[in-house]
PDB file of N, CA and C in Angstrom:
ATOM      1  N   MET A   1     110.819 227.197  21.324  1.00  0.00           N
ATOM      2  CA  MET A   1     111.466 225.957  21.005  1.00  0.00           C
ATOM      3  C   MET A   1     111.786 225.951  19.510  1.00  0.00           C
ATOM      4  N   GLU A   2     112.983 225.494  19.162  1.00  0.00           N
ATOM      5  CA  GLU A   2     113.409 225.438  17.776  1.00  0.00           C
ATOM      6  C   GLU A   2     112.676 224.326  17.032  1.00  0.00           C
ATOM      7  N   GLU A   3     112.558 224.488  15.731  1.00  0.00           N
ATOM      8  CA  GLU A   3     111.922 223.464  14.915  1.00  0.00           C
ATOM      9  C   GLU A   3     112.725 222.171  15.038  1.00  0.00           C
ATOM     10  N   GLY A   4     112.023 221.069  15.196  1.00  0.00           N
ATOM     11  CA  GLY A   4     112.665 219.766  15.320  1.00  0.00           C
ATOM     12  C   GLY A   4     113.085 219.425  16.743  1.00  0.00           C
ATOM     13  N   GLU A   5     112.976 220.377  17.645  1.00  0.00           N
ATOM     14  CA  GLU A   5     113.351 220.144  19.033  1.00  0.00           C
ATOM     15  C   GLU A   5     112.162 219.555  19.765  1.00  0.00           C
ATOM     16  N   GLU A   6     112.363 218.391  20.329  1.00  0.00           N
ATOM     17  CA  GLU A   6     111.276 217.729  21.047  1.00  0.00           C
ATOM     18  C   GLU A   6     111.692 217.522  22.495  1.00  0.00           C
ATOM     19  N   VAL A   7     111.171 218.348  23.346  1.00  0.00           N
ATOM     20  CA  VAL A   7     111.464 218.243  24.774  1.00  0.00           C
ATOM     21  C   VAL A   7     110.136 218.170  25.503  1.00  0.00           C
ATOM     22  N   THR A   8     109.932 217.099  26.237  1.00  0.00           N
ATOM     23  CA  THR A   8     108.699 216.986  27.003  1.00  0.00           C
ATOM     24  C   THR A   8     108.845 217.760  28.298  1.00  0.00           C
ATOM     25  N   ILE A   9     107.747 218.072  28.909  1.00  0.00           N
ATOM     26  CA  ILE A   9     107.766 218.801  30.181  1.00  0.00           C
ATOM     27  C   ILE A   9     108.554 218.009  31.219  1.00  0.00           C
ATOM     28  N   ALA A  10     108.326 216.692  31.271  1.00  0.00           N
ATOM     29  CA  ALA A  10     109.013 215.869  32.261  1.00  0.00           C
ATOM     30  C   ALA A  10     110.528 215.920  32.051  1.00  0.00           C
ATOM     31  N   GLU A  11     110.995 215.838  30.813  1.00  0.00           N
ATOM     32  CA  GLU A  11     112.423 215.886  30.550  1.00  0.00           C
ATOM     33  C   GLU A  11     112.990 217.252  30.889  1.00  0.00           C
ATOM     34  N   ASP A  12     112.252 218.302  30.576  1.00  0.00           N
ATOM     35  CA  ASP A  12     112.700 219.669  30.817  1.00  0.00           C
ATOM     36  C   ASP A  12     112.830 219.951  32.307  1.00  0.00           C
ATOM     37  N   GLN A  13     111.964 219.371  33.122  1.00  0.00           N
ATOM     38  CA  GLN A  13     111.960 219.651  34.551  1.00  0.00           C
ATOM     39  C   GLN A  13     112.899 218.743  35.335  1.00  0.00           C
ATOM     40  N   ARG A  14     113.381 217.687  34.736  1.00  0.00           N
ATOM     41  CA  ARG A  14     114.213 216.722  35.439  1.00  0.00           C
ATOM     42  C   ARG A  14     115.595 217.290  35.710  1.00  0.00           C
ATOM     43  N   ALA A  15     116.071 217.165  36.924  1.00  0.00           N
ATOM     44  CA  ALA A  15     117.415 217.596  37.274  1.00  0.00           C
ATOM     45  C   ALA A  15     118.330 216.379  37.225  1.00  0.00           C
ATOM     46  N   VAL A  16     119.424 216.504  36.517  1.00  0.00           N
ATOM     47  CA  VAL A  16     120.342 215.386  36.374  1.00  0.00           C
ATOM     48  C   VAL A  16     121.627 215.692  37.118  1.00  0.00           C
ATOM     49  N   ASP A  17     122.009 214.798  37.995  1.00  0.00           N
ATOM     50  CA  ASP A  17     123.270 214.914  38.716  1.00  0.00           C
ATOM     51  C   ASP A  17     123.456 216.266  39.402  1.00  0.00           C
ATOM     52  N   ILE A  18     122.461 216.730  40.092  1.00  0.00           N
ATOM     53  CA  ILE A  18     122.575 217.990  40.830  1.00  0.00           C
ATOM     54  C   ILE A  18     123.324 217.708  42.131  1.00  0.00           C
ATOM     55  N   SER A  19     124.202 218.605  42.503  1.00  0.00           N
ATOM     56  CA  SER A  19     125.008 218.397  43.706  1.00  0.00           C
ATOM     57  C   SER A  19     124.238 218.850  44.945  1.00  0.00           C
ATOM     58  N   LEU A  20     124.698 218.376  46.080  1.00  0.00           N
ATOM     59  CA  LEU A  20     124.107 218.820  47.348  1.00  0.00           C
ATOM     60  C   LEU A  20     124.327 220.318  47.526  1.00  0.00           C
ATOM     61  N   LYS A  21     125.471 220.818  47.087  1.00  0.00           N
ATOM     62  CA  LYS A  21     125.754 222.259  47.197  1.00  0.00           C
ATOM     63  C   LYS A  21     124.805 223.057  46.309  1.00  0.00           C
ATOM     64  N   ASP A  22     124.507 222.533  45.124  1.00  0.00           N
ATOM     65  CA  ASP A  22     123.546 223.214  44.242  1.00  0.00           C
ATOM     66  C   ASP A  22     122.161 223.251  44.879  1.00  0.00           C
ATOM     67  N   LEU A  23     121.761 222.152  45.484  1.00  0.00           N
ATOM     68  CA  LEU A  23     120.467 222.114  46.157  1.00  0.00           C
ATOM     69  C   LEU A  23     120.441 223.086  47.331  1.00  0.00           C
ATOM     70  N   ALA A  24     121.533 223.121  48.097  1.00  0.00           N
ATOM     71  CA  ALA A  24     121.613 224.043  49.240  1.00  0.00           C
ATOM     72  C   ALA A  24     121.474 225.481  48.771  1.00  0.00           C
ATOM     73  N   LYS A  25     122.113 225.812  47.669  1.00  0.00           N
ATOM     74  CA  LYS A  25     122.029 227.177  47.128  1.00  0.00           C
ATOM     75  C   LYS A  25     120.601 227.492  46.689  1.00  0.00           C
ATOM     76  N   LYS A  26     119.946 226.547  46.007  1.00  0.00           N
ATOM     77  CA  LYS A  26     118.557 226.746  45.583  1.00  0.00           C
ATOM     78  C   LYS A  26     117.641 226.931  46.794  1.00  0.00           C
ATOM     79  N   LEU A  27     117.858 226.154  47.841  1.00  0.00           N
ATOM     80  CA  LEU A  27     117.046 226.274  49.046  1.00  0.00           C
ATOM     81  C   LEU A  27     117.281 227.614  49.737  1.00  0.00           C
ATOM     82  N   GLU A  28     118.523 228.056  49.766  1.00  0.00           N
ATOM     83  CA  GLU A  28     118.836 229.355  50.359  1.00  0.00           C
ATOM     84  C   GLU A  28     118.129 230.476  49.586  1.00  0.00           C
ATOM     85  N   GLU A  29     118.202 230.424  48.273  1.00  0.00           N
ATOM     86  CA  GLU A  29     117.539 231.433  47.436  1.00  0.00           C
ATOM     87  C   GLU A  29     116.026 231.397  47.620  1.00  0.00           C
ATOM     88  N   PHE A  30     115.470 230.198  47.709  1.00  0.00           N
ATOM     89  CA  PHE A  30     114.034 230.018  47.915  1.00  0.00           C
ATOM     90  C   PHE A  30     113.602 230.673  49.223  1.00  0.00           C
ATOM     91  N   ALA A  31     114.358 230.396  50.295  1.00  0.00           N
ATOM     92  CA  ALA A  31     114.029 230.961  51.613  1.00  0.00           C
ATOM     93  C   ALA A  31     114.183 232.479  51.620  1.00  0.00           C
ATOM     94  N   LYS A  32     115.243 232.986  51.004  1.00  0.00           N
ATOM     95  CA  LYS A  32     115.464 234.434  50.953  1.00  0.00           C
ATOM     96  C   LYS A  32     114.339 235.138  50.216  1.00  0.00           C
ATOM     97  N   ALA A  33     113.913 234.568  49.096  1.00  0.00           N
ATOM     98  CA  ALA A  33     112.866 235.193  48.281  1.00  0.00           C
ATOM     99  C   ALA A  33     111.544 235.298  49.040  1.00  0.00           C
ATOM    100  N   ARG A  34     111.354 234.463  50.032  1.00  0.00           N
ATOM    101  CA  ARG A  34     110.104 234.436  50.798  1.00  0.00           C
ATOM    102  C   ARG A  34     110.269 235.010  52.201  1.00  0.00           C
ATOM    103  N   ASP A  35     111.469 235.501  52.500  1.00  0.00           N
ATOM    104  CA  ASP A  35     111.793 236.037  53.818  1.00  0.00           C
ATOM    105  C   ASP A  35     111.566 234.989  54.915  1.00  0.00           C
ATOM    106  N   TRP A  36     111.963 233.769  54.622  1.00  0.00           N
ATOM    107  CA  TRP A  36     111.794 232.663  55.572  1.00  0.00           C
ATOM    108  C   TRP A  36     113.051 232.386  56.378  1.00  0.00           C
ATOM    109  N   GLU A  37     114.142 233.049  56.073  1.00  0.00           N
ATOM    110  CA  GLU A  37     115.396 232.738  56.765  1.00  0.00           C
ATOM    111  C   GLU A  37     115.276 232.872  58.276  1.00  0.00           C
ATOM    112  N   LYS A  38     114.455 233.836  58.723  1.00  0.00           N
ATOM    113  CA  LYS A  38     114.303 234.051  60.170  1.00  0.00           C
ATOM    114  C   LYS A  38     113.685 232.832  60.863  1.00  0.00           C
ATOM    115  N   TYR A  39     113.004 231.982  60.105  1.00  0.00           N
ATOM    116  CA  TYR A  39     112.384 230.776  60.670  1.00  0.00           C
ATOM    117  C   TYR A  39     113.290 229.548  60.565  1.00  0.00           C
ATOM    118  N   HIS A  40     114.368 229.666  59.807  1.00  0.00           N
ATOM    119  CA  HIS A  40     115.209 228.507  59.530  1.00  0.00           C
ATOM    120  C   HIS A  40     116.333 228.350  60.551  1.00  0.00           C
ATOM    121  N   SER A  41     115.937 228.205  61.791  1.00  0.00           N
ATOM    122  CA  SER A  41     116.908 227.889  62.839  1.00  0.00           C
ATOM    123  C   SER A  41     117.145 226.374  62.801  1.00  0.00           C
ATOM    124  N   PRO A  42     118.277 225.918  63.335  1.00  0.00           N
ATOM    125  CA  PRO A  42     118.511 224.471  63.359  1.00  0.00           C
ATOM    126  C   PRO A  42     117.358 223.693  64.004  1.00  0.00           C
ATOM    127  N   ARG A  43     116.857 224.192  65.123  1.00  0.00           N
ATOM    128  CA  ARG A  43     115.756 223.506  65.818  1.00  0.00           C
ATOM    129  C   ARG A  43     114.520 223.407  64.936  1.00  0.00           C
ATOM    130  N   ASN A  44     114.119 224.522  64.339  1.00  0.00           N
ATOM    131  CA  ASN A  44     112.917 224.518  63.505  1.00  0.00           C
ATOM    132  C   ASN A  44     113.061 223.604  62.301  1.00  0.00           C
ATOM    133  N   LEU A  45     114.234 223.626  61.684  1.00  0.00           N
ATOM    134  CA  LEU A  45     114.454 222.760  60.519  1.00  0.00           C
ATOM    135  C   LEU A  45     114.447 221.289  60.914  1.00  0.00           C
ATOM    136  N   LEU A  46     115.051 220.984  62.055  1.00  0.00           N
ATOM    137  CA  LEU A  46     115.043 219.601  62.529  1.00  0.00           C
ATOM    138  C   LEU A  46     113.617 219.128  62.796  1.00  0.00           C
ATOM    139  N   LEU A  47     112.839 219.938  63.481  1.00  0.00           N
ATOM    140  CA  LEU A  47     111.465 219.545  63.789  1.00  0.00           C
ATOM    141  C   LEU A  47     110.625 219.399  62.517  1.00  0.00           C
ATOM    142  N   ALA A  48     110.850 220.274  61.552  1.00  0.00           N
ATOM    143  CA  ALA A  48     110.137 220.157  60.280  1.00  0.00           C
ATOM    144  C   ALA A  48     110.524 218.865  59.569  1.00  0.00           C
ATOM    145  N   MET A  49     111.813 218.524  59.611  1.00  0.00           N
ATOM    146  CA  MET A  49     112.272 217.291  58.972  1.00  0.00           C
ATOM    147  C   MET A  49     111.674 216.060  59.658  1.00  0.00           C
ATOM    148  N   VAL A  50     111.623 216.074  60.967  1.00  0.00           N
ATOM    149  CA  VAL A  50     111.027 214.964  61.708  1.00  0.00           C
ATOM    150  C   VAL A  50     109.562 214.792  61.313  1.00  0.00           C
ATOM    151  N   GLY A  51     108.855 215.896  61.146  1.00  0.00           N
ATOM    152  CA  GLY A  51     107.464 215.826  60.689  1.00  0.00           C
ATOM    153  C   GLY A  51     107.363 215.165  59.324  1.00  0.00           C
ATOM    154  N   GLU A  52     108.297 215.516  58.435  1.00  0.00           N
ATOM    155  CA  GLU A  52     108.293 214.914  57.101  1.00  0.00           C
ATOM    156  C   GLU A  52     108.651 213.433  57.151  1.00  0.00           C
ATOM    157  N   VAL A  53     109.538 213.052  58.063  1.00  0.00           N
ATOM    158  CA  VAL A  53     109.860 211.627  58.234  1.00  0.00           C
ATOM    159  C   VAL A  53     108.608 210.878  58.684  1.00  0.00           C
ATOM    160  N   GLY A  54     107.804 211.514  59.529  1.00  0.00           N
ATOM    161  CA  GLY A  54     106.534 210.909  59.950  1.00  0.00           C
ATOM    162  C   GLY A  54     105.612 210.698  58.764  1.00  0.00           C
ATOM    163  N   GLU A  55     105.525 211.690  57.883  1.00  0.00           N
ATOM    164  CA  GLU A  55     104.685 211.550  56.689  1.00  0.00           C
ATOM    165  C   GLU A  55     105.217 210.443  55.786  1.00  0.00           C
ATOM    166  N   LEU A  56     106.525 210.346  55.680  1.00  0.00           N
ATOM    167  CA  LEU A  56     107.142 209.274  54.898  1.00  0.00           C
ATOM    168  C   LEU A  56     106.819 207.911  55.508  1.00  0.00           C
ATOM    169  N   SER A  57     106.889 207.831  56.815  1.00  0.00           N
ATOM    170  CA  SER A  57     106.591 206.571  57.514  1.00  0.00           C
ATOM    171  C   SER A  57     105.155 206.117  57.278  1.00  0.00           C
ATOM    172  N   GLU A  58     104.233 207.066  57.220  1.00  0.00           N
ATOM    173  CA  GLU A  58     102.820 206.722  57.001  1.00  0.00           C
ATOM    174  C   GLU A  58     102.601 205.994  55.682  1.00  0.00           C
ATOM    175  N   ILE A  59     103.421 206.295  54.699  1.00  0.00           N
ATOM    176  CA  ILE A  59     103.274 205.641  53.395  1.00  0.00           C
ATOM    177  C   ILE A  59     103.500 204.138  53.518  1.00  0.00           C
ATOM    178  N   PHE A  60     104.433 203.743  54.374  1.00  0.00           N
ATOM    179  CA  PHE A  60     104.776 202.331  54.529  1.00  0.00           C
ATOM    180  C   PHE A  60     104.007 201.644  55.656  1.00  0.00           C
ATOM    181  N   GLN A  61     103.331 202.443  56.465  1.00  0.00           N
ATOM    182  CA  GLN A  61     102.610 201.873  57.605  1.00  0.00           C
ATOM    183  C   GLN A  61     101.587 200.849  57.132  1.00  0.00           C
ATOM    184  N   TRP A  62     101.583 199.712  57.760  1.00  0.00           N
ATOM    185  CA  TRP A  62     100.630 198.625  57.526  1.00  0.00           C
ATOM    186  C   TRP A  62     100.838 197.884  56.204  1.00  0.00           C
ATOM    187  N   LYS A  63     101.897 198.172  55.479  1.00  0.00           N
ATOM    188  CA  LYS A  63     102.117 197.489  54.205  1.00  0.00           C
ATOM    189  C   LYS A  63     102.936 196.212  54.353  1.00  0.00           C
ATOM    190  N   GLY A  64     103.570 196.010  55.496  1.00  0.00           N
ATOM    191  CA  GLY A  64     104.465 194.862  55.630  1.00  0.00           C
ATOM    192  C   GLY A  64     105.709 195.093  54.787  1.00  0.00           C
ATOM    193  N   GLU A  65     106.407 194.021  54.475  1.00  0.00           N
ATOM    194  CA  GLU A  65     107.606 194.152  53.641  1.00  0.00           C
ATOM    195  C   GLU A  65     107.208 194.525  52.220  1.00  0.00           C
ATOM    196  N   VAL A  66     108.032 195.316  51.586  1.00  0.00           N
ATOM    197  CA  VAL A  66     107.758 195.807  50.239  1.00  0.00           C
ATOM    198  C   VAL A  66     108.927 195.412  49.349  1.00  0.00           C
ATOM    199  N   ASP A  67     108.633 194.931  48.149  1.00  0.00           N
ATOM    200  CA  ASP A  67     109.680 194.523  47.215  1.00  0.00           C
ATOM    201  C   ASP A  67     110.450 195.718  46.683  1.00  0.00           C
ATOM    202  N   LYS A  68     111.735 195.500  46.406  1.00  0.00           N
ATOM    203  CA  LYS A  68     112.559 196.553  45.806  1.00  0.00           C
ATOM    204  C   LYS A  68     111.926 197.010  44.502  1.00  0.00           C
ATOM    205  N   GLY A  69     111.990 198.291  44.267  1.00  0.00           N
ATOM    206  CA  GLY A  69     111.431 198.845  43.044  1.00  0.00           C
ATOM    207  C   GLY A  69     109.931 199.073  43.104  1.00  0.00           C
ATOM    208  N   LEU A  70     109.302 198.608  44.178  1.00  0.00           N
ATOM    209  CA  LEU A  70     107.868 198.805  44.396  1.00  0.00           C
ATOM    210  C   LEU A  70     107.019 198.363  43.196  1.00  0.00           C
ATOM    211  N   PRO A  71     107.214 197.123  42.727  1.00  0.00           N
ATOM    212  CA  PRO A  71     106.534 196.679  41.508  1.00  0.00           C
ATOM    213  C   PRO A  71     105.011 196.632  41.609  1.00  0.00           C
ATOM    214  N   ASN A  72     104.477 196.489  42.794  1.00  0.00           N
ATOM    215  CA  ASN A  72     103.022 196.376  42.953  1.00  0.00           C
ATOM    216  C   ASN A  72     102.369 197.696  43.359  1.00  0.00           C
ATOM    217  N   TRP A  73     103.106 198.769  43.304  1.00  0.00           N
ATOM    218  CA  TRP A  73     102.573 200.071  43.709  1.00  0.00           C
ATOM    219  C   TRP A  73     102.025 200.813  42.504  1.00  0.00           C
ATOM    220  N   GLU A  74     100.995 201.604  42.743  1.00  0.00           N
ATOM    221  CA  GLU A  74     100.450 202.487  41.712  1.00  0.00           C
ATOM    222  C   GLU A  74     101.442 203.627  41.473  1.00  0.00           C
ATOM    223  N   GLU A  75     101.437 204.178  40.288  1.00  0.00           N
ATOM    224  CA  GLU A  75     102.336 205.292  39.974  1.00  0.00           C
ATOM    225  C   GLU A  75     102.073 206.487  40.896  1.00  0.00           C
ATOM    226  N   SER A  76     100.819 206.719  41.238  1.00  0.00           N
ATOM    227  CA  SER A  76     100.500 207.844  42.127  1.00  0.00           C
ATOM    228  C   SER A  76     101.113 207.631  43.515  1.00  0.00           C
ATOM    229  N   ASP A  77     101.165 206.378  43.982  1.00  0.00           N
ATOM    230  CA  ASP A  77     101.782 206.081  45.272  1.00  0.00           C
ATOM    231  C   ASP A  77     103.294 206.279  45.210  1.00  0.00           C
ATOM    232  N   LYS A  78     103.902 205.900  44.095  1.00  0.00           N
ATOM    233  CA  LYS A  78     105.336 206.106  43.916  1.00  0.00           C
ATOM    234  C   LYS A  78     105.662 207.599  43.859  1.00  0.00           C
ATOM    235  N   GLU A  79     104.800 208.364  43.219  1.00  0.00           N
ATOM    236  CA  GLU A  79     105.006 209.808  43.139  1.00  0.00           C
ATOM    237  C   GLU A  79     104.896 210.443  44.527  1.00  0.00           C
ATOM    238  N   HIS A  80     103.927 209.994  45.307  1.00  0.00           N
ATOM    239  CA  HIS A  80     103.775 210.496  46.676  1.00  0.00           C
ATOM    240  C   HIS A  80     105.021 210.165  47.497  1.00  0.00           C
ATOM    241  N   LEU A  81     105.524 208.948  47.346  1.00  0.00           N
ATOM    242  CA  LEU A  81     106.742 208.539  48.036  1.00  0.00           C
ATOM    243  C   LEU A  81     107.908 209.452  47.650  1.00  0.00           C
ATOM    244  N   ALA A  82     108.063 209.702  46.366  1.00  0.00           N
ATOM    245  CA  ALA A  82     109.155 210.562  45.891  1.00  0.00           C
ATOM    246  C   ALA A  82     109.054 211.967  46.485  1.00  0.00           C
ATOM    247  N   GLU A  83     107.846 212.481  46.598  1.00  0.00           N
ATOM    248  CA  GLU A  83     107.653 213.810  47.176  1.00  0.00           C
ATOM    249  C   GLU A  83     108.051 213.845  48.652  1.00  0.00           C
ATOM    250  N   GLU A  84     107.648 212.820  49.396  1.00  0.00           N
ATOM    251  CA  GLU A  84     107.978 212.799  50.831  1.00  0.00           C
ATOM    252  C   GLU A  84     109.470 212.571  51.047  1.00  0.00           C
ATOM    253  N   LEU A  85     110.084 211.710  50.243  1.00  0.00           N
ATOM    254  CA  LEU A  85     111.534 211.523  50.324  1.00  0.00           C
ATOM    255  C   LEU A  85     112.254 212.838  50.033  1.00  0.00           C
ATOM    256  N   SER A  86     111.763 213.559  49.036  1.00  0.00           N
ATOM    257  CA  SER A  86     112.360 214.850  48.680  1.00  0.00           C
ATOM    258  C   SER A  86     112.220 215.854  49.807  1.00  0.00           C
ATOM    259  N   ASP A  87     111.060 215.889  50.462  1.00  0.00           N
ATOM    260  CA  ASP A  87     110.871 216.802  51.589  1.00  0.00           C
ATOM    261  C   ASP A  87     111.907 216.541  52.678  1.00  0.00           C
ATOM    262  N   VAL A  88     112.128 215.261  53.002  1.00  0.00           N
ATOM    263  CA  VAL A  88     113.108 214.903  54.037  1.00  0.00           C
ATOM    264  C   VAL A  88     114.506 215.342  53.596  1.00  0.00           C
ATOM    265  N   LEU A  89     114.855 215.036  52.362  1.00  0.00           N
ATOM    266  CA  LEU A  89     116.178 215.393  51.853  1.00  0.00           C
ATOM    267  C   LEU A  89     116.397 216.902  51.863  1.00  0.00           C
ATOM    268  N   LEU A  90     115.420 217.645  51.418  1.00  0.00           N
ATOM    269  CA  LEU A  90     115.578 219.099  51.341  1.00  0.00           C
ATOM    270  C   LEU A  90     115.722 219.726  52.722  1.00  0.00           C
ATOM    271  N   TYR A  91     114.947 219.252  53.692  1.00  0.00           N
ATOM    272  CA  TYR A  91     115.119 219.765  55.055  1.00  0.00           C
ATOM    273  C   TYR A  91     116.491 219.383  55.606  1.00  0.00           C
ATOM    274  N   LEU A  92     116.956 218.176  55.316  1.00  0.00           N
ATOM    275  CA  LEU A  92     118.270 217.743  55.786  1.00  0.00           C
ATOM    276  C   LEU A  92     119.369 218.610  55.186  1.00  0.00           C
ATOM    277  N   ILE A  93     119.277 218.878  53.904  1.00  0.00           N
ATOM    278  CA  ILE A  93     120.277 219.720  53.243  1.00  0.00           C
ATOM    279  C   ILE A  93     120.251 221.132  53.818  1.00  0.00           C
ATOM    280  N   ARG A  94     119.068 221.675  54.015  1.00  0.00           N
ATOM    281  CA  ARG A  94     118.944 223.038  54.574  1.00  0.00           C
ATOM    282  C   ARG A  94     119.498 223.082  55.997  1.00  0.00           C
ATOM    283  N   LEU A  95     119.187 222.069  56.803  1.00  0.00           N
ATOM    284  CA  LEU A  95     119.690 222.002  58.176  1.00  0.00           C
ATOM    285  C   LEU A  95     121.219 221.951  58.183  1.00  0.00           C
ATOM    286  N   ALA A  96     121.786 221.106  57.342  1.00  0.00           N
ATOM    287  CA  ALA A  96     123.243 221.008  57.276  1.00  0.00           C
ATOM    288  C   ALA A  96     123.856 222.339  56.870  1.00  0.00           C
ATOM    289  N   ASP A  97     123.250 223.000  55.892  1.00  0.00           N
ATOM    290  CA  ASP A  97     123.773 224.283  55.420  1.00  0.00           C
ATOM    291  C   ASP A  97     123.717 225.339  56.525  1.00  0.00           C
ATOM    292  N   ILE A  98     122.605 225.416  57.223  1.00  0.00           N
ATOM    293  CA  ILE A  98     122.442 226.392  58.316  1.00  0.00           C
ATOM    294  C   ILE A  98     123.442 226.114  59.444  1.00  0.00           C
ATOM    295  N   CYS A  99     123.779 224.832  59.638  1.00  0.00           N
ATOM    296  CA  CYS A  99     124.723 224.457  60.695  1.00  0.00           C
ATOM    297  C   CYS A  99     126.175 224.525  60.237  1.00  0.00           C
ATOM    298  N   GLY A 100     126.388 224.852  58.966  1.00  0.00           N
ATOM    299  CA  GLY A 100     127.751 224.948  58.458  1.00  0.00           C
ATOM    300  C   GLY A 100     128.412 223.608  58.213  1.00  0.00           C
ATOM    301  N   VAL A 101     127.613 222.589  57.953  1.00  0.00           N
ATOM    302  CA  VAL A 101     128.137 221.250  57.693  1.00  0.00           C
ATOM    303  C   VAL A 101     128.123 220.996  56.197  1.00  0.00           C
ATOM    304  N   ASP A 102     129.275 220.588  55.640  1.00  0.00           N
ATOM    305  CA  ASP A 102     129.345 220.162  54.251  1.00  0.00           C
ATOM    306  C   ASP A 102     128.852 218.720  54.223  1.00  0.00           C
ATOM    307  N   LEU A 103     127.600 218.555  53.880  1.00  0.00           N
ATOM    308  CA  LEU A 103     126.948 217.249  53.980  1.00  0.00           C
ATOM    309  C   LEU A 103     127.597 216.204  53.078  1.00  0.00           C
ATOM    310  N   GLY A 104     127.981 216.587  51.881  1.00  0.00           N
ATOM    311  CA  GLY A 104     128.646 215.647  50.975  1.00  0.00           C
ATOM    312  C   GLY A 104     129.949 215.143  51.559  1.00  0.00           C
ATOM    313  N   ASP A 105     130.750 216.057  52.090  1.00  0.00           N
ATOM    314  CA  ASP A 105     132.024 215.691  52.708  1.00  0.00           C
ATOM    315  C   ASP A 105     131.793 214.844  53.955  1.00  0.00           C
ATOM    316  N   ALA A 106     130.838 215.251  54.789  1.00  0.00           N
ATOM    317  CA  ALA A 106     130.556 214.502  56.023  1.00  0.00           C
ATOM    318  C   ALA A 106     130.091 213.077  55.697  1.00  0.00           C
ATOM    319  N   ALA A 107     129.238 212.934  54.684  1.00  0.00           N
ATOM    320  CA  ALA A 107     128.737 211.607  54.311  1.00  0.00           C
ATOM    321  C   ALA A 107     129.865 210.738  53.760  1.00  0.00           C
ATOM    322  N   THR A 108     130.735 211.330  52.963  1.00  0.00           N
ATOM    323  CA  THR A 108     131.867 210.576  52.411  1.00  0.00           C
ATOM    324  C   THR A 108     132.793 210.105  53.522  1.00  0.00           C
ATOM    325  N   ARG A 109     133.070 210.992  54.469  1.00  0.00           N
ATOM    326  CA  ARG A 109     133.915 210.613  55.616  1.00  0.00           C
ATOM    327  C   ARG A 109     133.262 209.501  56.438  1.00  0.00           C
ATOM    328  N   LYS A 110     131.945 209.574  56.588  1.00  0.00           N
ATOM    329  CA  LYS A 110     131.229 208.556  57.371  1.00  0.00           C
ATOM    330  C   LYS A 110     131.280 207.198  56.680  1.00  0.00           C
ATOM    331  N   ILE A 111     131.180 207.189  55.368  1.00  0.00           N
ATOM    332  CA  ILE A 111     131.287 205.926  54.626  1.00  0.00           C
ATOM    333  C   ILE A 111     132.666 205.296  54.843  1.00  0.00           C
ATOM    334  N   VAL A 112     133.712 206.123  54.829  1.00  0.00           N
ATOM    335  CA  VAL A 112     135.070 205.624  55.065  1.00  0.00           C
ATOM    336  C   VAL A 112     135.179 205.055  56.478  1.00  0.00           C
ATOM    337  N   LYS A 113     134.662 205.789  57.456  1.00  0.00           N
ATOM    338  CA  LYS A 113     134.684 205.290  58.844  1.00  0.00           C
ATOM    339  C   LYS A 113     133.931 203.968  58.970  1.00  0.00           C
ATOM    340  N   ASN A 114     132.761 203.880  58.335  1.00  0.00           N
ATOM    341  CA  ASN A 114     131.978 202.644  58.405  1.00  0.00           C
ATOM    342  C   ASN A 114     132.691 201.482  57.725  1.00  0.00           C
ATOM    343  N   ALA A 115     133.422 201.748  56.646  1.00  0.00           N
ATOM    344  CA  ALA A 115     134.168 200.693  55.960  1.00  0.00           C
ATOM    345  C   ALA A 115     135.255 200.123  56.853  1.00  0.00           C
ATOM    346  N   ILE A 116     135.863 200.980  57.653  1.00  0.00           N
ATOM    347  CA  ILE A 116     136.889 200.526  58.594  1.00  0.00           C
ATOM    348  C   ILE A 116     136.241 199.774  59.754  1.00  0.00           C
ATOM    349  N   LYS A 117     135.164 200.314  60.255  1.00  0.00           N
ATOM    350  CA  LYS A 117     134.477 199.719  61.407  1.00  0.00           C
ATOM    351  C   LYS A 117     133.812 198.389  61.044  1.00  0.00           C
ATOM    352  N   TYR A 118     133.310 198.285  59.816  1.00  0.00           N
ATOM    353  CA  TYR A 118     132.602 197.086  59.375  1.00  0.00           C
ATOM    354  C   TYR A 118     133.229 196.554  58.092  1.00  0.00           C
ATOM    355  N   PRO A 119     134.391 195.910  58.209  1.00  0.00           N
ATOM    356  CA  PRO A 119     135.042 195.410  56.993  1.00  0.00           C
ATOM    357  C   PRO A 119     134.227 194.255  56.380  1.00  0.00           C
ATOM    358  N   PRO A 120     134.382 194.038  55.069  1.00  0.00           N
ATOM    359  CA  PRO A 120     133.653 192.941  54.435  1.00  0.00           C
ATOM    360  C   PRO A 120     134.116 191.601  55.023  1.00  0.00           C
ATOM    361  N   LYS A 121     133.186 190.665  55.082  1.00  0.00           N
ATOM    362  CA  LYS A 121     133.505 189.343  55.611  1.00  0.00           C
ATOM    363  C   LYS A 121     134.270 188.560  54.555  1.00  0.00           C
ATOM    364  N   ALA A 122     135.306 187.873  55.009  1.00  0.00           N
ATOM    365  CA  ALA A 122     136.076 187.021  54.096  1.00  0.00           C
ATOM    366  C   ALA A 122     135.289 185.732  53.855  1.00  0.00           C
ATOM    367  N   CYS A 123     135.290 185.308  52.622  1.00  0.00           N
ATOM    368  CA  CYS A 123     134.536 184.075  52.284  1.00  0.00           C
ATOM    369  C   CYS A 123     135.361 182.853  52.483  1.00  0.00           C
TER     370      CYS A 123
END
């Protein structure tokens, strides 16, 4: 690190505005480096994602309604939530990539379809 340069570990590790395609590429490289590609069938990835959704659901189980921003949550609970949300997202991105779906494009198209299907109410 150069003199006068102050970068904390948290700032250094933070990814800013990473694309879904960038994440897909990182996941592909991660799987290749570990020889996991043979396990990454659509079925296996879907089932793994469903398992992670279950873990995510457990975080909210028995809590009732929760305020936006989670103001009454401990930082460790928020960190756990972020990890489980990330697990779901990463499996979803990997599944889409393995299936040949451009997830960003598909999501954008779906938003357009939903806007047509559910127009805003006139006041």
